[in-house]
Amino acid sequence: MSINEKTLTEAGVFLGQCSYIGPLVKKYGACEINPSGNDPFETLISSIVAQQLSVKAANTIESRILKLAGKRHKPEKLLSVSHQDLRECGLSNRKVEYIHGIAQAVRDKSLDFHALARLDDHEVIKELVKLRGVGQWTAEMLMIFSLSRMDIFSSRDVGLQRGMKSLFGKKANSLPAMEEIAERWRPYRSVASWYLWKIVD
């Protein structure tokens, strides 16, 4: 199931009946995940930039990159920016290597987002983690925000962990426990995640 206007409405009704998420649906209104998805290349690059950084720091670095590479993160534009110039934006050596590697893979068509979109969730993760710098969390963020997958629950996400603990306390003190709790939100776990993130925003 993919995210679109209809499934977002259905998810709101379904989650609104949950004693935990229901009050959040009432408080925050309709889920605002983009139903048409975001550009997957941009999302992937943004995720690399954001790894292990605060939102504020990541946004600052990304704004500097945009000044060099243009408003949209196009592979050719990023590859034309030197390693040193990207380092001066605030990126580590390793992140520059990751970003250039991903850009090269897209340009060479060894990473094809159209083909990726036709795979199931498990296969998407399997393909993406082949890229240097891309782990399961990054793949899951791409599936939610670019591939519009409706039922992703990224238990390794720090924001979700905080949101779960806020709602469930000690019952959500481990990844398996969080994943078990989240089963109640199938097949709308991506939308449930959005409400959990709103708690800690």
N, C-alpha and C. Protein backbone atom coordinates (compact mmCIF):
# COMPACT_ATOMS: atom_id res chain seq x y z
N MET A 1 0.84 -1.19 0.00
CA MET A 1 0.00 0.00 0.00
C MET A 1 0.88 1.25 0.00
N SER A 2 0.55 2.20 -0.85
CA SER A 2 1.34 3.42 -0.93
C SER A 2 0.58 4.61 -0.35
N ILE A 3 1.32 5.64 -0.01
CA ILE A 3 0.72 6.84 0.56
C ILE A 3 0.10 7.68 -0.55
N ASN A 4 -1.20 7.96 -0.42
CA ASN A 4 -1.88 8.89 -1.29
C ASN A 4 -2.99 9.55 -0.47
N GLU A 5 -3.72 10.44 -1.08
CA GLU A 5 -4.74 11.18 -0.31
C GLU A 5 -5.76 10.24 0.33
N LYS A 6 -6.16 9.21 -0.42
CA LYS A 6 -7.16 8.27 0.10
C LYS A 6 -6.62 7.48 1.28
N THR A 7 -5.40 6.93 1.13
CA THR A 7 -4.86 6.10 2.21
C THR A 7 -4.50 6.93 3.43
N LEU A 8 -4.12 8.21 3.23
CA LEU A 8 -3.88 9.08 4.38
C LEU A 8 -5.16 9.31 5.17
N THR A 9 -6.26 9.48 4.46
CA THR A 9 -7.56 9.66 5.13
C THR A 9 -7.94 8.39 5.88
N GLU A 10 -7.76 7.24 5.22
CA GLU A 10 -8.08 5.96 5.86
C GLU A 10 -7.20 5.74 7.09
N ALA A 11 -5.93 6.11 6.98
CA ALA A 11 -5.01 5.96 8.11
C ALA A 11 -5.44 6.83 9.28
N GLY A 12 -5.88 8.06 8.98
CA GLY A 12 -6.34 8.96 10.04
C GLY A 12 -7.52 8.40 10.80
N VAL A 13 -8.45 7.80 10.06
CA VAL A 13 -9.64 7.20 10.70
C VAL A 13 -9.22 6.00 11.55
N PHE A 14 -8.39 5.15 10.98
CA PHE A 14 -7.94 3.94 11.69
C PHE A 14 -7.16 4.29 12.95
N LEU A 15 -6.17 5.17 12.81
CA LEU A 15 -5.33 5.54 13.95
C LEU A 15 -6.08 6.38 14.97
N GLY A 16 -7.09 7.09 14.51
CA GLY A 16 -7.89 7.89 15.43
C GLY A 16 -8.62 7.06 16.46
N GLN A 17 -8.77 5.76 16.18
CA GLN A 17 -9.46 4.86 17.11
C GLN A 17 -8.52 4.25 18.15
N CYS A 18 -7.21 4.50 17.96
CA CYS A 18 -6.22 3.97 18.91
C CYS A 18 -6.17 4.86 20.14
N SER A 19 -6.20 4.26 21.31
CA SER A 19 -6.20 5.06 22.55
C SER A 19 -4.91 5.84 22.74
N TYR A 20 -3.83 5.43 22.08
CA TYR A 20 -2.55 6.12 22.20
C TYR A 20 -2.34 7.16 21.09
N ILE A 21 -2.53 6.75 19.85
CA ILE A 21 -2.31 7.65 18.73
C ILE A 21 -3.52 8.55 18.48
N GLY A 22 -4.70 8.07 18.83
CA GLY A 22 -5.94 8.83 18.59
C GLY A 22 -5.87 10.27 19.09
N PRO A 23 -5.44 10.52 20.33
CA PRO A 23 -5.34 11.90 20.81
C PRO A 23 -4.36 12.75 19.99
N LEU A 24 -3.32 12.11 19.44
CA LEU A 24 -2.36 12.84 18.61
C LEU A 24 -2.97 13.22 17.27
N VAL A 25 -3.79 12.33 16.72
CA VAL A 25 -4.50 12.64 15.47
C VAL A 25 -5.40 13.84 15.68
N LYS A 26 -6.08 13.86 16.82
CA LYS A 26 -6.96 14.99 17.13
C LYS A 26 -6.18 16.28 17.34
N LYS A 27 -5.03 16.18 17.99
CA LYS A 27 -4.22 17.36 18.31
C LYS A 27 -3.53 17.94 17.09
N TYR A 28 -2.93 17.06 16.25
CA TYR A 28 -2.09 17.53 15.15
C TYR A 28 -2.79 17.54 13.79
N GLY A 29 -3.98 16.96 13.72
CA GLY A 29 -4.71 16.97 12.46
C GLY A 29 -4.18 15.94 11.47
N ALA A 30 -4.47 16.15 10.20
CA ALA A 30 -4.11 15.19 9.16
C ALA A 30 -2.59 15.08 9.00
N CYS A 31 -2.14 13.87 8.76
CA CYS A 31 -0.72 13.61 8.52
C CYS A 31 -0.26 14.41 7.29
N GLU A 32 0.91 15.01 7.38
CA GLU A 32 1.40 15.87 6.31
C GLU A 32 2.56 15.27 5.52
N ILE A 33 2.69 13.95 5.55
CA ILE A 33 3.68 13.31 4.66
C ILE A 33 3.23 13.57 3.22
N ASN A 34 4.15 14.01 2.39
CA ASN A 34 3.84 14.33 0.99
C ASN A 34 3.33 13.08 0.27
N PRO A 35 2.05 13.04 -0.14
CA PRO A 35 1.50 11.83 -0.75
C PRO A 35 2.13 11.49 -2.10
N SER A 36 2.72 12.47 -2.77
CA SER A 36 3.36 12.21 -4.06
C SER A 36 4.84 11.88 -3.91
N GLY A 37 5.32 11.92 -2.68
CA GLY A 37 6.73 11.61 -2.42
C GLY A 37 7.65 12.76 -2.78
N ASN A 38 8.87 12.70 -2.27
CA ASN A 38 9.90 13.69 -2.58
C ASN A 38 10.93 13.06 -3.51
N ASP A 39 11.73 13.87 -4.16
CA ASP A 39 12.75 13.36 -5.05
C ASP A 39 13.66 12.40 -4.28
N PRO A 40 13.77 11.14 -4.72
CA PRO A 40 14.54 10.15 -3.93
C PRO A 40 16.02 10.47 -3.82
N PHE A 41 16.60 11.04 -4.88
CA PHE A 41 18.02 11.40 -4.80
C PHE A 41 18.24 12.48 -3.75
N GLU A 42 17.40 13.51 -3.76
CA GLU A 42 17.51 14.58 -2.77
C GLU A 42 17.33 14.03 -1.36
N THR A 43 16.34 13.14 -1.20
CA THR A 43 16.07 12.57 0.12
C THR A 43 17.27 11.76 0.61
N LEU A 44 17.87 11.01 -0.28
CA LEU A 44 19.01 10.18 0.09
C LEU A 44 20.20 11.04 0.50
N ILE A 45 20.47 12.09 -0.27
CA ILE A 45 21.57 12.99 0.07
C ILE A 45 21.30 13.70 1.39
N SER A 46 20.08 14.16 1.58
CA SER A 46 19.72 14.85 2.83
C SER A 46 19.89 13.92 4.03
N SER A 47 19.55 12.65 3.84
CA SER A 47 19.69 11.68 4.93
C SER A 47 21.14 11.45 5.29
N ILE A 48 22.01 11.42 4.28
CA ILE A 48 23.45 11.27 4.55
C ILE A 48 23.97 12.48 5.33
N VAL A 49 23.59 13.66 4.88
CA VAL A 49 24.00 14.89 5.57
C VAL A 49 23.57 14.87 7.02
N ALA A 50 22.34 14.40 7.27
CA ALA A 50 21.73 14.47 8.60
C ALA A 50 22.24 13.42 9.59
N GLN A 51 22.93 12.41 9.10
CA GLN A 51 23.36 11.32 9.98
C GLN A 51 24.18 11.86 11.15
N GLN A 52 23.73 11.52 12.36
CA GLN A 52 24.43 11.85 13.62
C GLN A 52 24.55 13.36 13.86
N LEU A 53 23.66 14.14 13.27
CA LEU A 53 23.66 15.58 13.48
C LEU A 53 22.30 16.05 13.98
N SER A 54 22.28 17.20 14.63
CA SER A 54 21.01 17.81 14.99
C SER A 54 20.34 18.34 13.73
N VAL A 55 19.04 18.55 13.79
CA VAL A 55 18.30 19.08 12.64
C VAL A 55 18.88 20.44 12.23
N LYS A 56 19.18 21.27 13.22
CA LYS A 56 19.71 22.61 12.94
C LYS A 56 21.04 22.54 12.21
N ALA A 57 21.95 21.68 12.69
CA ALA A 57 23.26 21.56 12.05
C ALA A 57 23.14 21.01 10.64
N ALA A 58 22.27 20.00 10.47
CA ALA A 58 22.08 19.41 9.14
C ALA A 58 21.52 20.43 8.16
N ASN A 59 20.55 21.22 8.61
CA ASN A 59 19.95 22.24 7.73
C ASN A 59 20.98 23.29 7.32
N THR A 60 21.85 23.66 8.26
CA THR A 60 22.89 24.64 7.95
C THR A 60 23.84 24.12 6.88
N ILE A 61 24.28 22.88 7.05
CA ILE A 61 25.20 22.29 6.08
C ILE A 61 24.52 22.14 4.72
N GLU A 62 23.27 21.69 4.73
CA GLU A 62 22.57 21.49 3.47
C GLU A 62 22.37 22.81 2.72
N SER A 63 22.10 23.87 3.45
CA SER A 63 21.93 25.18 2.79
C SER A 63 23.22 25.62 2.11
N ARG A 64 24.36 25.28 2.71
CA ARG A 64 25.65 25.61 2.10
C ARG A 64 25.88 24.78 0.84
N ILE A 65 25.50 23.51 0.90
CA ILE A 65 25.64 22.65 -0.28
C ILE A 65 24.77 23.15 -1.42
N LEU A 66 23.56 23.58 -1.09
CA LEU A 66 22.63 24.06 -2.11
C LEU A 66 23.18 25.29 -2.83
N LYS A 67 23.91 26.13 -2.10
CA LYS A 67 24.50 27.31 -2.73
C LYS A 67 25.54 26.93 -3.77
N LEU A 68 26.21 25.79 -3.54
CA LEU A 68 27.23 25.34 -4.47
C LEU A 68 26.64 24.50 -5.61
N ALA A 69 25.67 23.66 -5.28
CA ALA A 69 25.18 22.68 -6.25
C ALA A 69 23.83 23.04 -6.86
N GLY A 70 23.25 24.18 -6.47
CA GLY A 70 21.95 24.55 -6.99
C GLY A 70 20.83 24.12 -6.08
N LYS A 71 19.64 24.58 -6.38
CA LYS A 71 18.49 24.33 -5.51
C LYS A 71 18.17 22.84 -5.39
N ARG A 72 18.31 22.11 -6.49
CA ARG A 72 18.03 20.67 -6.47
C ARG A 72 19.34 19.89 -6.51
N HIS A 73 19.39 18.87 -5.69
CA HIS A 73 20.60 18.03 -5.64
C HIS A 73 20.64 17.12 -6.87
N LYS A 74 21.20 17.57 -7.94
CA LYS A 74 21.35 16.73 -9.13
C LYS A 74 22.72 16.04 -9.09
N PRO A 75 22.79 14.79 -9.52
CA PRO A 75 24.07 14.06 -9.46
C PRO A 75 25.21 14.81 -10.13
N GLU A 76 24.97 15.33 -11.33
CA GLU A 76 26.03 16.02 -12.06
C GLU A 76 26.52 17.25 -11.31
N LYS A 77 25.58 17.96 -10.68
CA LYS A 77 25.95 19.16 -9.93
C LYS A 77 26.81 18.81 -8.74
N LEU A 78 26.43 17.79 -8.01
CA LEU A 78 27.20 17.40 -6.82
C LEU A 78 28.57 16.87 -7.20
N LEU A 79 28.64 16.13 -8.30
CA LEU A 79 29.92 15.60 -8.74
C LEU A 79 30.86 16.70 -9.22
N SER A 80 30.28 17.83 -9.63
CA SER A 80 31.11 18.95 -10.10
C SER A 80 31.69 19.76 -8.94
N VAL A 81 31.15 19.54 -7.72
CA VAL A 81 31.65 20.25 -6.54
C VAL A 81 32.80 19.43 -5.95
N SER A 82 33.93 20.05 -5.74
CA SER A 82 35.11 19.33 -5.28
C SER A 82 34.94 18.78 -3.86
N HIS A 83 35.74 17.78 -3.56
CA HIS A 83 35.76 17.19 -2.23
C HIS A 83 36.01 18.27 -1.17
N GLN A 84 36.99 19.12 -1.42
CA GLN A 84 37.35 20.15 -0.45
C GLN A 84 36.22 21.16 -0.24
N ASP A 85 35.55 21.54 -1.33
CA ASP A 85 34.45 22.50 -1.21
C ASP A 85 33.30 21.92 -0.38
N LEU A 86 33.05 20.62 -0.56
CA LEU A 86 32.00 19.98 0.25
C LEU A 86 32.44 19.86 1.71
N ARG A 87 33.71 19.61 1.92
CA ARG A 87 34.25 19.57 3.28
C ARG A 87 34.04 20.92 3.97
N GLU A 88 34.25 21.99 3.22
CA GLU A 88 34.11 23.33 3.80
C GLU A 88 32.66 23.70 4.10
N CYS A 89 31.72 22.90 3.57
CA CYS A 89 30.31 23.09 3.93
C CYS A 89 30.02 22.54 5.33
N GLY A 90 30.96 21.72 5.85
CA GLY A 90 30.77 21.14 7.17
C GLY A 90 30.65 19.63 7.16
N LEU A 91 30.83 19.01 6.00
CA LEU A 91 30.74 17.56 5.90
C LEU A 91 32.07 16.91 6.28
N SER A 92 31.99 15.72 6.84
CA SER A 92 33.20 14.94 7.11
C SER A 92 33.73 14.37 5.80
N ASN A 93 34.99 13.94 5.80
CA ASN A 93 35.57 13.30 4.62
C ASN A 93 34.73 12.12 4.17
N ARG A 94 34.29 11.34 5.14
CA ARG A 94 33.54 10.13 4.82
C ARG A 94 32.18 10.47 4.19
N LYS A 95 31.51 11.49 4.71
CA LYS A 95 30.22 11.86 4.14
C LYS A 95 30.36 12.40 2.71
N VAL A 96 31.44 13.13 2.46
CA VAL A 96 31.69 13.59 1.09
C VAL A 96 31.86 12.39 0.16
N GLU A 97 32.60 11.38 0.62
CA GLU A 97 32.78 10.17 -0.18
C GLU A 97 31.45 9.47 -0.42
N TYR A 98 30.61 9.40 0.61
CA TYR A 98 29.30 8.76 0.46
C TYR A 98 28.46 9.50 -0.59
N ILE A 99 28.41 10.84 -0.47
CA ILE A 99 27.59 11.65 -1.35
C ILE A 99 28.07 11.55 -2.80
N HIS A 100 29.37 11.65 -2.99
CA HIS A 100 29.91 11.51 -4.35
C HIS A 100 29.66 10.09 -4.89
N GLY A 101 29.75 9.09 -4.03
CA GLY A 101 29.51 7.71 -4.45
C GLY A 101 28.08 7.49 -4.89
N ILE A 102 27.13 8.05 -4.15
CA ILE A 102 25.72 7.93 -4.50
C ILE A 102 25.43 8.67 -5.80
N ALA A 103 25.98 9.88 -5.92
CA ALA A 103 25.78 10.66 -7.14
C ALA A 103 26.33 9.92 -8.36
N GLN A 104 27.49 9.29 -8.19
CA GLN A 104 28.09 8.52 -9.28
C GLN A 104 27.22 7.32 -9.65
N ALA A 105 26.66 6.65 -8.64
CA ALA A 105 25.82 5.48 -8.88
C ALA A 105 24.56 5.86 -9.66
N VAL A 106 23.98 7.02 -9.34
CA VAL A 106 22.80 7.48 -10.05
C VAL A 106 23.16 7.87 -11.49
N ARG A 107 24.27 8.56 -11.65
CA ARG A 107 24.69 8.97 -13.00
C ARG A 107 25.00 7.76 -13.86
N ASP A 108 25.62 6.73 -13.25
CA ASP A 108 25.96 5.52 -14.00
C ASP A 108 24.77 4.58 -14.16
N LYS A 109 23.66 4.92 -13.51
CA LYS A 109 22.43 4.12 -13.56
C LYS A 109 22.57 2.76 -12.87
N SER A 110 23.59 2.63 -12.02
CA SER A 110 23.66 1.43 -11.19
C SER A 110 22.68 1.56 -10.02
N LEU A 111 22.24 2.79 -9.75
CA LEU A 111 21.17 3.04 -8.80
C LEU A 111 20.03 3.67 -9.58
N ASP A 112 18.97 2.91 -9.76
CA ASP A 112 17.81 3.33 -10.57
C ASP A 112 16.59 3.42 -9.66
N PHE A 113 16.16 4.63 -9.36
CA PHE A 113 15.06 4.80 -8.41
C PHE A 113 13.72 4.30 -8.96
N HIS A 114 13.56 4.34 -10.27
CA HIS A 114 12.31 3.82 -10.86
C HIS A 114 12.23 2.31 -10.67
N ALA A 115 13.35 1.63 -10.87
CA ALA A 115 13.38 0.19 -10.65
C ALA A 115 13.22 -0.13 -9.16
N LEU A 116 13.83 0.70 -8.33
CA LEU A 116 13.75 0.51 -6.88
C LEU A 116 12.30 0.58 -6.39
N ALA A 117 11.54 1.49 -6.97
CA ALA A 117 10.15 1.70 -6.54
C ALA A 117 9.28 0.48 -6.80
N ARG A 118 9.72 -0.41 -7.69
CA ARG A 118 8.93 -1.60 -8.01
C ARG A 118 9.24 -2.77 -7.08
N LEU A 119 10.23 -2.62 -6.22
CA LEU A 119 10.62 -3.69 -5.31
C LEU A 119 9.81 -3.63 -4.02
N ASP A 120 9.74 -4.77 -3.31
CA ASP A 120 9.07 -4.75 -2.02
C ASP A 120 10.01 -4.14 -0.97
N ASP A 121 9.49 -3.88 0.22
CA ASP A 121 10.24 -3.16 1.24
C ASP A 121 11.57 -3.83 1.57
N HIS A 122 11.54 -5.13 1.74
CA HIS A 122 12.77 -5.86 2.09
C HIS A 122 13.81 -5.73 0.99
N GLU A 123 13.38 -5.83 -0.26
CA GLU A 123 14.31 -5.75 -1.39
C GLU A 123 14.87 -4.34 -1.55
N VAL A 124 14.05 -3.33 -1.25
CA VAL A 124 14.54 -1.94 -1.32
C VAL A 124 15.69 -1.75 -0.34
N ILE A 125 15.50 -2.21 0.89
CA ILE A 125 16.56 -2.09 1.90
C ILE A 125 17.81 -2.85 1.46
N LYS A 126 17.62 -4.06 0.94
CA LYS A 126 18.73 -4.89 0.50
C LYS A 126 19.56 -4.19 -0.57
N GLU A 127 18.89 -3.50 -1.50
CA GLU A 127 19.60 -2.80 -2.58
C GLU A 127 20.29 -1.54 -2.07
N LEU A 128 19.60 -0.77 -1.25
CA LEU A 128 20.14 0.51 -0.81
C LEU A 128 21.34 0.36 0.11
N VAL A 129 21.34 -0.65 0.97
CA VAL A 129 22.45 -0.79 1.92
C VAL A 129 23.74 -1.25 1.23
N LYS A 130 23.66 -1.56 -0.06
CA LYS A 130 24.87 -1.86 -0.82
C LYS A 130 25.70 -0.60 -1.04
N LEU A 131 25.05 0.56 -0.93
CA LEU A 131 25.74 1.83 -1.12
C LEU A 131 26.49 2.21 0.15
N ARG A 132 27.71 2.68 0.01
CA ARG A 132 28.48 3.13 1.18
C ARG A 132 27.76 4.29 1.85
N GLY A 133 27.62 4.21 3.16
CA GLY A 133 26.99 5.27 3.91
C GLY A 133 25.50 5.10 4.10
N VAL A 134 24.91 4.13 3.43
CA VAL A 134 23.46 3.92 3.53
C VAL A 134 23.19 2.69 4.39
N GLY A 135 22.56 2.92 5.53
CA GLY A 135 22.17 1.83 6.41
C GLY A 135 20.66 1.64 6.38
N GLN A 136 20.17 0.79 7.24
CA GLN A 136 18.75 0.48 7.24
C GLN A 136 17.90 1.71 7.55
N TRP A 137 18.34 2.55 8.51
CA TRP A 137 17.57 3.75 8.86
C TRP A 137 17.40 4.66 7.64
N THR A 138 18.50 4.89 6.92
CA THR A 138 18.44 5.76 5.74
C THR A 138 17.50 5.18 4.70
N ALA A 139 17.57 3.87 4.50
CA ALA A 139 16.69 3.21 3.53
C ALA A 139 15.22 3.35 3.95
N GLU A 140 14.96 3.23 5.23
CA GLU A 140 13.58 3.35 5.72
C GLU A 140 13.05 4.77 5.56
N MET A 141 13.89 5.77 5.78
CA MET A 141 13.46 7.16 5.58
C MET A 141 13.14 7.41 4.10
N LEU A 142 13.94 6.83 3.22
CA LEU A 142 13.68 6.97 1.79
C LEU A 142 12.35 6.33 1.41
N MET A 143 12.08 5.17 1.99
CA MET A 143 10.83 4.48 1.67
C MET A 143 9.61 5.28 2.12
N ILE A 144 9.71 5.93 3.28
CA ILE A 144 8.58 6.72 3.77
C ILE A 144 8.41 7.99 2.96
N PHE A 145 9.48 8.76 2.83
CA PHE A 145 9.35 10.13 2.33
C PHE A 145 9.53 10.30 0.83
N SER A 146 10.05 9.27 0.15
CA SER A 146 10.20 9.37 -1.31
C SER A 146 9.45 8.28 -2.06
N LEU A 147 9.47 7.06 -1.54
CA LEU A 147 8.78 5.97 -2.22
C LEU A 147 7.35 5.80 -1.73
N SER A 148 6.95 6.64 -0.76
CA SER A 148 5.56 6.69 -0.27
C SER A 148 5.05 5.34 0.22
N ARG A 149 5.90 4.65 0.99
CA ARG A 149 5.48 3.37 1.57
C ARG A 149 4.71 3.64 2.85
N MET A 150 3.56 3.04 2.95
CA MET A 150 2.61 3.34 4.03
C MET A 150 2.93 2.64 5.34
N ASP A 151 3.65 1.52 5.30
CA ASP A 151 3.74 0.68 6.50
C ASP A 151 5.19 0.44 6.94
N ILE A 152 5.94 1.53 7.13
CA ILE A 152 7.33 1.42 7.58
C ILE A 152 7.43 1.91 9.02
N PHE A 153 8.05 1.11 9.86
CA PHE A 153 8.31 1.54 11.24
C PHE A 153 9.80 1.39 11.51
N SER A 154 10.49 2.50 11.62
CA SER A 154 11.95 2.52 11.77
C SER A 154 12.32 2.58 13.25
N SER A 155 12.38 1.43 13.88
CA SER A 155 12.58 1.38 15.33
C SER A 155 13.95 1.93 15.76
N ARG A 156 14.89 2.03 14.80
CA ARG A 156 16.22 2.57 15.14
C ARG A 156 16.25 4.10 15.15
N ASP A 157 15.17 4.72 14.73
CA ASP A 157 15.12 6.18 14.69
C ASP A 157 14.99 6.74 16.10
N VAL A 158 15.89 7.66 16.45
CA VAL A 158 15.93 8.20 17.81
C VAL A 158 14.65 8.96 18.13
N GLY A 159 14.11 9.72 17.17
CA GLY A 159 12.88 10.45 17.41
C GLY A 159 11.72 9.52 17.71
N LEU A 160 11.62 8.42 16.98
CA LEU A 160 10.55 7.44 17.24
C LEU A 160 10.74 6.78 18.60
N GLN A 161 11.98 6.51 18.95
CA GLN A 161 12.23 5.91 20.26
C GLN A 161 11.76 6.83 21.38
N ARG A 162 12.03 8.13 21.22
CA ARG A 162 11.59 9.10 22.23
C ARG A 162 10.07 9.22 22.26
N GLY A 163 9.47 9.22 21.08
CA GLY A 163 8.01 9.30 21.01
C GLY A 163 7.35 8.09 21.63
N MET A 164 7.89 6.91 21.37
CA MET A 164 7.33 5.68 21.94
C MET A 164 7.45 5.67 23.46
N LYS A 165 8.60 6.10 23.97
CA LYS A 165 8.79 6.13 25.42
C LYS A 165 7.86 7.15 26.07
N SER A 166 7.58 8.23 25.35
CA SER A 166 6.65 9.24 25.87
C SER A 166 5.25 8.66 26.03
N LEU A 167 4.86 7.81 25.08
CA LEU A 167 3.52 7.23 25.13
C LEU A 167 3.44 5.97 25.98
N PHE A 168 4.47 5.14 25.92
CA PHE A 168 4.37 3.81 26.52
C PHE A 168 5.32 3.58 27.70
N GLY A 169 6.18 4.54 27.99
CA GLY A 169 7.09 4.39 29.12
C GLY A 169 7.99 3.17 29.00
N LYS A 170 8.14 2.42 30.07
CA LYS A 170 9.05 1.28 30.11
C LYS A 170 8.63 0.14 29.20
N LYS A 171 7.38 0.15 28.76
CA LYS A 171 6.94 -0.89 27.83
C LYS A 171 7.67 -0.82 26.49
N ALA A 172 8.24 0.37 26.20
CA ALA A 172 8.94 0.58 24.92
C ALA A 172 10.44 0.76 25.15
N ASN A 173 11.01 -0.08 26.01
CA ASN A 173 12.42 0.11 26.40
C ASN A 173 13.41 -0.70 25.55
N SER A 174 12.92 -1.33 24.48
CA SER A 174 13.82 -2.06 23.58
C SER A 174 13.24 -2.03 22.18
N LEU A 175 14.09 -2.29 21.19
CA LEU A 175 13.62 -2.30 19.80
C LEU A 175 12.56 -3.37 19.57
N PRO A 176 12.76 -4.61 20.04
CA PRO A 176 11.71 -5.62 19.86
C PRO A 176 10.38 -5.21 20.51
N ALA A 177 10.47 -4.57 21.68
CA ALA A 177 9.26 -4.14 22.37
C ALA A 177 8.54 -3.06 21.57
N MET A 178 9.30 -2.11 21.02
CA MET A 178 8.72 -1.07 20.20
C MET A 178 8.05 -1.66 18.96
N GLU A 179 8.73 -2.59 18.32
CA GLU A 179 8.20 -3.20 17.11
C GLU A 179 6.92 -3.99 17.39
N GLU A 180 6.89 -4.64 18.54
CA GLU A 180 5.69 -5.40 18.92
C GLU A 180 4.51 -4.44 19.16
N ILE A 181 4.77 -3.34 19.86
CA ILE A 181 3.72 -2.35 20.11
C ILE A 181 3.20 -1.78 18.79
N ALA A 182 4.13 -1.50 17.87
CA ALA A 182 3.76 -0.87 16.60
C ALA A 182 2.92 -1.77 15.70
N GLU A 183 2.89 -3.06 15.99
CA GLU A 183 2.07 -3.97 15.19
C GLU A 183 0.60 -3.54 15.19
N ARG A 184 0.15 -2.89 16.25
CA ARG A 184 -1.26 -2.47 16.33
C ARG A 184 -1.60 -1.43 15.28
N TRP A 185 -0.57 -0.80 14.69
CA TRP A 185 -0.81 0.28 13.72
C TRP A 185 -0.71 -0.18 12.27
N ARG A 186 -0.41 -1.47 12.05
CA ARG A 186 -0.42 -1.98 10.67
C ARG A 186 -1.81 -1.78 10.07
N PRO A 187 -1.91 -1.44 8.79
CA PRO A 187 -0.86 -1.24 7.77
C PRO A 187 -0.50 0.24 7.58
N TYR A 188 -0.56 1.01 8.69
CA TYR A 188 -0.33 2.46 8.59
C TYR A 188 0.80 2.92 9.51
N ARG A 189 1.85 2.13 9.64
CA ARG A 189 2.89 2.47 10.60
C ARG A 189 3.71 3.70 10.20
N SER A 190 3.80 3.99 8.91
CA SER A 190 4.50 5.22 8.50
C SER A 190 3.76 6.45 9.02
N VAL A 191 2.44 6.41 8.93
CA VAL A 191 1.63 7.54 9.40
C VAL A 191 1.67 7.62 10.93
N ALA A 192 1.60 6.49 11.59
CA ALA A 192 1.73 6.48 13.05
C ALA A 192 3.08 7.08 13.46
N SER A 193 4.11 6.78 12.69
CA SER A 193 5.44 7.33 12.97
C SER A 193 5.44 8.85 12.89
N TRP A 194 4.72 9.39 11.92
CA TRP A 194 4.65 10.84 11.76
C TRP A 194 4.08 11.49 13.03
N TYR A 195 3.06 10.87 13.61
CA TYR A 195 2.48 11.41 14.85
C TYR A 195 3.43 11.26 16.03
N LEU A 196 4.18 10.18 16.06
CA LEU A 196 5.18 10.02 17.12
C LEU A 196 6.27 11.06 17.01
N TRP A 197 6.68 11.37 15.79
CA TRP A 197 7.68 12.43 15.60
C TRP A 197 7.15 13.78 16.04
N LYS A 198 5.86 14.01 15.85
CA LYS A 198 5.28 15.31 16.24
C LYS A 198 5.39 15.54 17.75
N ILE A 199 5.36 14.47 18.52
CA ILE A 199 5.46 14.61 19.98
C ILE A 199 6.79 15.27 20.36
N VAL A 200 7.84 14.89 19.65
CA VAL A 200 9.19 15.33 20.04
C VAL A 200 9.73 16.47 19.19
N ASP A 201 8.97 16.92 18.20
CA ASP A 201 9.41 18.06 17.37
C ASP A 201 9.53 19.32 18.19
